[in-house]
């Protein structure tokens, strides 16, 4: 990405600053949207509230704000996990052309996460106040978020697999790449399963159950693979 005449032969470390800055921007965009989502939630509930039902208003508002905060924490955790895996793959990268193409694709897809997650929060308000006029729009927005997460984890798994096949990797690095491949592949599969469950009519669950489940459950395969490898030693 930077001319080799200026910096010499490029290595994986050339992308460290870019990736750190990019994911910081993604997380910043998510938190910037949070106040507007909270204000929108409060105003929407107040506009549809009955002054007599003060207790119900407070309950609905607390529930809605709790869902927004939990959902934000879940998406924050997922983005952090993606960043940690992506940055780990930078160290000692061998297939630089493959890495450059795959990384640019991952960054582009990751940039779609804040706007589509904002749409999820926007349309989810109607379910909180029991208005389902935009229920189909919410389903589409949630599918995009789940799809984005799935594709990113698949690309990370493919990048780890490609790096592992490259000659010259030491045993520790191969084990690390194998770990990222296994965990990323499992996370992609889990995301698809959770999306199928929470978006299917018989088992439909409103936000943020789906994204929170991904943030929690995807860490179990990491612990499982880590335990399995330590147990073999």
Protein backbone atom coordinates (compact mmCIF):
# COMPACT_ATOMS: atom_id res chain seq x y z
CA UNK A 1 0.00 0.00 0.00
CA UNK A 2 3.04 2.27 0.37
CA UNK A 3 5.58 2.32 -2.51
CA UNK A 4 8.45 -0.05 -1.85
CA UNK A 5 10.91 2.59 -3.11
CA UNK A 6 10.10 4.67 -0.03
CA UNK A 7 9.92 2.07 2.73
CA UNK A 8 11.68 -0.89 1.17
CA UNK A 9 10.16 -4.34 0.97
CA UNK A 10 6.73 -4.21 2.65
CA UNK A 11 5.90 -6.53 5.54
CA UNK A 12 2.76 -7.28 7.54
CA UNK A 13 3.75 -4.66 10.10
CA UNK A 14 3.10 -1.93 7.50
CA UNK A 15 -0.62 -2.42 8.07
CA UNK A 16 -0.53 -2.30 11.90
CA UNK A 17 -1.20 1.44 12.14
CA UNK A 18 -3.89 1.32 9.47
CA UNK A 19 -5.78 -1.53 11.11
CA UNK A 20 -5.49 -0.04 14.60
CA UNK A 21 -6.78 3.30 13.34
CA UNK A 22 -9.54 1.75 11.25
CA UNK A 23 -11.09 -0.36 14.01
CA UNK A 24 -10.79 2.61 16.37
CA UNK A 25 -12.90 4.60 13.91
CA UNK A 26 -15.47 1.78 13.68
CA UNK A 27 -15.79 1.68 17.48
CA UNK A 28 -15.96 5.48 17.58
CA UNK A 29 -18.79 5.54 15.04
CA UNK A 30 -20.69 3.00 17.11
CA UNK A 31 -20.39 5.06 20.30
CA UNK A 32 -21.14 8.32 18.45
CA UNK A 33 -24.44 6.84 17.29
CA UNK A 34 -25.30 5.70 20.82
CA UNK A 35 -26.54 9.09 22.20
CA UNK A 36 -28.81 9.63 19.20
CA UNK A 37 -30.23 6.12 19.61
CA UNK A 38 -30.86 6.75 23.32
CA UNK A 39 -32.55 10.11 22.65
CA UNK A 40 -34.63 8.57 19.91
CA UNK A 41 -35.66 5.79 22.27
CA UNK A 42 -36.68 8.18 25.04
CA UNK A 43 -38.62 10.51 22.71
CA UNK A 44 -40.38 7.64 20.95
CA UNK A 45 -41.58 6.13 24.23
CA UNK A 46 -42.70 9.52 25.55
CA UNK A 47 -44.64 10.31 22.36
CA UNK A 48 -46.50 7.01 22.59
CA UNK A 49 -47.00 7.08 26.36
CA UNK A 50 -50.10 7.64 28.39
CA UNK A 51 -49.61 10.06 31.30
CA UNK A 52 -51.69 7.81 33.54
CA UNK A 53 -49.37 4.85 33.06
CA UNK A 54 -46.24 6.39 34.58
CA UNK A 55 -44.97 3.09 35.95
CA UNK A 56 -45.34 1.40 32.57
CA UNK A 57 -43.51 4.28 30.90
CA UNK A 58 -40.59 3.96 33.28
CA UNK A 59 -40.50 0.20 32.82
CA UNK A 60 -40.55 0.44 29.02
CA UNK A 61 -37.88 3.14 29.03
CA UNK A 62 -35.60 1.17 31.36
CA UNK A 63 -36.07 -1.95 29.26
CA UNK A 64 -35.38 -0.13 25.99
CA UNK A 65 -32.29 1.67 27.28
CA UNK A 66 -30.99 -1.56 28.80
CA UNK A 67 -31.37 -3.31 25.45
CA UNK A 68 -29.51 -0.51 23.67
CA UNK A 69 -26.59 -0.58 26.13
CA UNK A 70 -26.35 -4.38 26.12
CA UNK A 71 -26.47 -4.44 22.34
CA UNK A 72 -23.76 -1.79 22.09
CA UNK A 73 -21.52 -3.71 24.49
CA UNK A 74 -22.05 -6.88 22.46
CA UNK A 75 -21.16 -5.28 19.12
CA UNK A 76 -18.18 -3.55 20.78
CA UNK A 77 -16.94 -6.94 22.02
CA UNK A 78 -17.31 -8.53 18.59
CA UNK A 79 -15.43 -5.70 16.84
CA UNK A 80 -12.69 -5.95 19.46
CA UNK A 81 -12.41 -9.69 18.84
CA UNK A 82 -12.19 -9.15 15.07
CA UNK A 83 -9.47 -6.54 15.57
CA UNK A 84 -7.42 -8.82 17.85
CA UNK A 85 -7.55 -11.71 15.35
CA UNK A 86 -6.80 -9.45 12.40
CA UNK A 87 -3.84 -7.80 14.09
CA UNK A 88 -2.41 -11.16 15.16
CA UNK A 89 -2.39 -12.22 11.52
CA UNK A 90 -0.26 -9.17 10.68
CA UNK A 91 2.76 -10.39 12.60
CA UNK A 92 5.09 -12.27 10.30
CA UNK A 93 2.69 -12.25 7.34
CA UNK A 94 4.17 -14.10 4.35
CA UNK A 95 1.55 -13.92 1.59
CA UNK A 96 1.58 -10.13 1.36
CA UNK A 97 -0.44 -9.87 -1.86
CA UNK A 98 -3.14 -12.20 -0.50
CA UNK A 99 -3.02 -10.39 2.82
CA UNK A 100 -3.41 -6.97 1.18
CA UNK A 101 -6.43 -8.02 -0.88
CA UNK A 102 -8.13 -9.87 1.98
CA UNK A 103 -7.41 -7.11 4.48
CA UNK A 104 -8.87 -4.41 2.24
CA UNK A 105 -12.00 -6.53 1.83
CA UNK A 106 -12.30 -7.13 5.59
CA UNK A 107 -11.91 -3.41 6.30
CA UNK A 108 -14.53 -2.49 3.72
CA UNK A 109 -17.05 -4.98 5.09
CA UNK A 110 -16.30 -3.89 8.67
CA UNK A 111 -17.07 -0.29 7.72
CA UNK A 112 -20.65 -1.37 6.97
CA UNK A 113 -21.23 -2.52 10.54
CA UNK A 114 -21.98 0.87 12.21
CA UNK A 115 -24.66 2.05 9.72
CA UNK A 116 -26.51 -1.27 9.61
CA UNK A 117 -26.35 -1.69 13.38
CA UNK A 118 -27.78 1.81 13.72
CA UNK A 119 -30.69 0.74 11.48
CA UNK A 120 -31.25 -2.27 13.74
CA UNK A 121 -31.52 -0.01 16.78
CA UNK A 122 -33.76 2.41 14.88
CA UNK A 123 -36.29 -0.19 13.78
CA UNK A 124 -36.09 -2.10 17.07
CA UNK A 125 -37.73 0.82 18.89
CA UNK A 126 -41.07 -0.03 17.34
CA UNK A 127 -40.96 -3.51 18.81
CA UNK A 128 -40.30 -2.06 22.26
CA UNK A 129 -43.44 0.09 22.05
CA UNK A 130 -45.33 -2.76 20.35
CA UNK A 131 -45.57 -1.19 16.90
CA UNK A 132 -44.50 -3.53 14.12
CA UNK A 133 -44.88 -1.34 11.06
CA UNK A 134 -41.20 -1.73 10.15
CA UNK A 135 -40.74 -5.30 11.36
CA UNK A 136 -39.64 -6.47 7.89
CA UNK A 137 -37.08 -3.63 7.72
CA UNK A 138 -35.70 -4.73 11.08
CA UNK A 139 -35.33 -8.30 9.82
CA UNK A 140 -33.39 -7.10 6.77
CA UNK A 141 -31.10 -4.89 8.85
CA UNK A 142 -30.39 -7.71 11.30
CA UNK A 143 -29.61 -10.10 8.44
CA UNK A 144 -27.05 -7.62 7.14
CA UNK A 145 -25.37 -7.35 10.56
CA UNK A 146 -25.24 -11.14 10.97
CA UNK A 147 -24.03 -11.52 7.39
CA UNK A 148 -21.27 -8.95 7.88
CA UNK A 149 -19.99 -10.71 11.00
CA UNK A 150 -20.11 -14.11 9.30
CA UNK A 151 -18.21 -12.93 6.21
CA UNK A 152 -15.52 -11.22 8.30
CA UNK A 153 -14.87 -14.34 10.36
CA UNK A 154 -14.76 -16.47 7.20
CA UNK A 155 -12.22 -14.11 5.64
CA UNK A 156 -10.10 -14.20 8.80
CA UNK A 157 -10.22 -18.00 8.74
CA UNK A 158 -9.23 -18.05 5.05
CA UNK A 159 -6.36 -15.64 5.71
CA UNK A 160 -5.10 -17.77 8.60
CA UNK A 161 -5.33 -20.91 6.47
CA UNK A 162 -3.43 -19.26 3.62
CA UNK A 163 -0.69 -18.05 5.96
CA UNK A 164 -0.36 -21.46 7.61
CA UNK A 165 0.30 -23.12 4.23
CA UNK A 166 3.14 -20.72 3.43
CA UNK A 167 6.60 -22.20 3.87
CA UNK A 168 8.91 -20.76 6.49
CA UNK A 169 6.47 -20.63 9.42
CA UNK A 170 7.86 -21.82 12.74
CA UNK A 171 5.87 -24.34 14.85
CA UNK A 172 4.59 -21.68 17.27
CA UNK A 173 3.34 -19.51 14.43
CA UNK A 174 1.65 -22.48 12.73
CA UNK A 175 -0.10 -23.34 15.98
CA UNK A 176 -1.23 -19.72 16.36
CA UNK A 177 -2.55 -19.60 12.79
CA UNK A 178 -4.32 -22.92 13.26
CA UNK A 179 -5.94 -21.58 16.40
CA UNK A 180 -7.22 -18.48 14.57
CA UNK A 181 -8.48 -20.61 11.68
CA UNK A 182 -10.40 -22.97 13.97
CA UNK A 183 -11.88 -20.28 16.20
CA UNK A 184 -12.84 -17.96 13.31
CA UNK A 185 -14.47 -20.80 11.39
CA UNK A 186 -16.43 -21.83 14.47
CA UNK A 187 -17.53 -18.24 15.12
CA UNK A 188 -18.80 -17.94 11.56
CA UNK A 189 -20.80 -21.16 11.95
CA UNK A 190 -22.20 -20.06 15.32
CA UNK A 191 -23.24 -16.69 13.87
CA UNK A 192 -25.17 -18.42 11.09
CA UNK A 193 -26.89 -20.75 13.57
CA UNK A 194 -27.86 -17.90 15.91
CA UNK A 195 -29.12 -15.82 12.99
CA UNK A 196 -31.28 -18.70 11.79
CA UNK A 197 -32.75 -19.13 15.28
CA UNK A 198 -33.46 -15.49 16.17
CA UNK A 199 -34.79 -14.54 12.72
CA UNK A 200 -36.99 -17.58 12.05
CA UNK A 201 -40.72 -16.90 12.72
CA UNK A 202 -41.21 -19.84 15.15
CA UNK A 203 -38.21 -18.89 17.30
CA UNK A 204 -37.98 -15.16 16.62
CA UNK A 205 -36.20 -13.13 19.29
CA UNK A 206 -36.02 -9.31 19.23
CA UNK A 207 -32.74 -7.39 19.49
CA UNK A 208 -30.31 -7.52 21.15
CA UNK A 209 -30.63 -11.25 21.91
CA UNK A 210 -28.95 -12.34 18.69
CA UNK A 211 -25.91 -10.06 18.78
CA UNK A 212 -25.47 -10.62 22.52
CA UNK A 213 -25.56 -14.40 22.05
CA UNK A 214 -22.83 -14.14 19.42
CA UNK A 215 -20.67 -12.01 21.71
CA UNK A 216 -21.03 -14.53 24.55
CA UNK A 217 -21.14 -17.90 22.81
CA UNK A 218 -18.30 -17.28 20.34
CA UNK A 219 -15.83 -17.26 23.22
CA UNK A 220 -16.54 -20.86 24.17
CA UNK A 221 -14.82 -22.33 21.07
CA UNK A 222 -11.72 -20.25 21.86
CA UNK A 223 -11.49 -21.71 25.35
CA UNK A 224 -12.25 -25.19 24.01
CA UNK A 225 -9.49 -25.14 21.38
CA UNK A 226 -7.04 -23.62 23.84
CA UNK A 227 -7.80 -26.32 26.41
CA UNK A 228 -7.54 -29.06 23.81
CA UNK A 229 -4.08 -27.93 22.71
CA UNK A 230 -2.79 -27.54 26.26
CA UNK A 231 -4.19 -30.95 27.14
CA UNK A 232 -2.22 -32.57 24.30
CA UNK A 233 1.08 -31.17 25.50
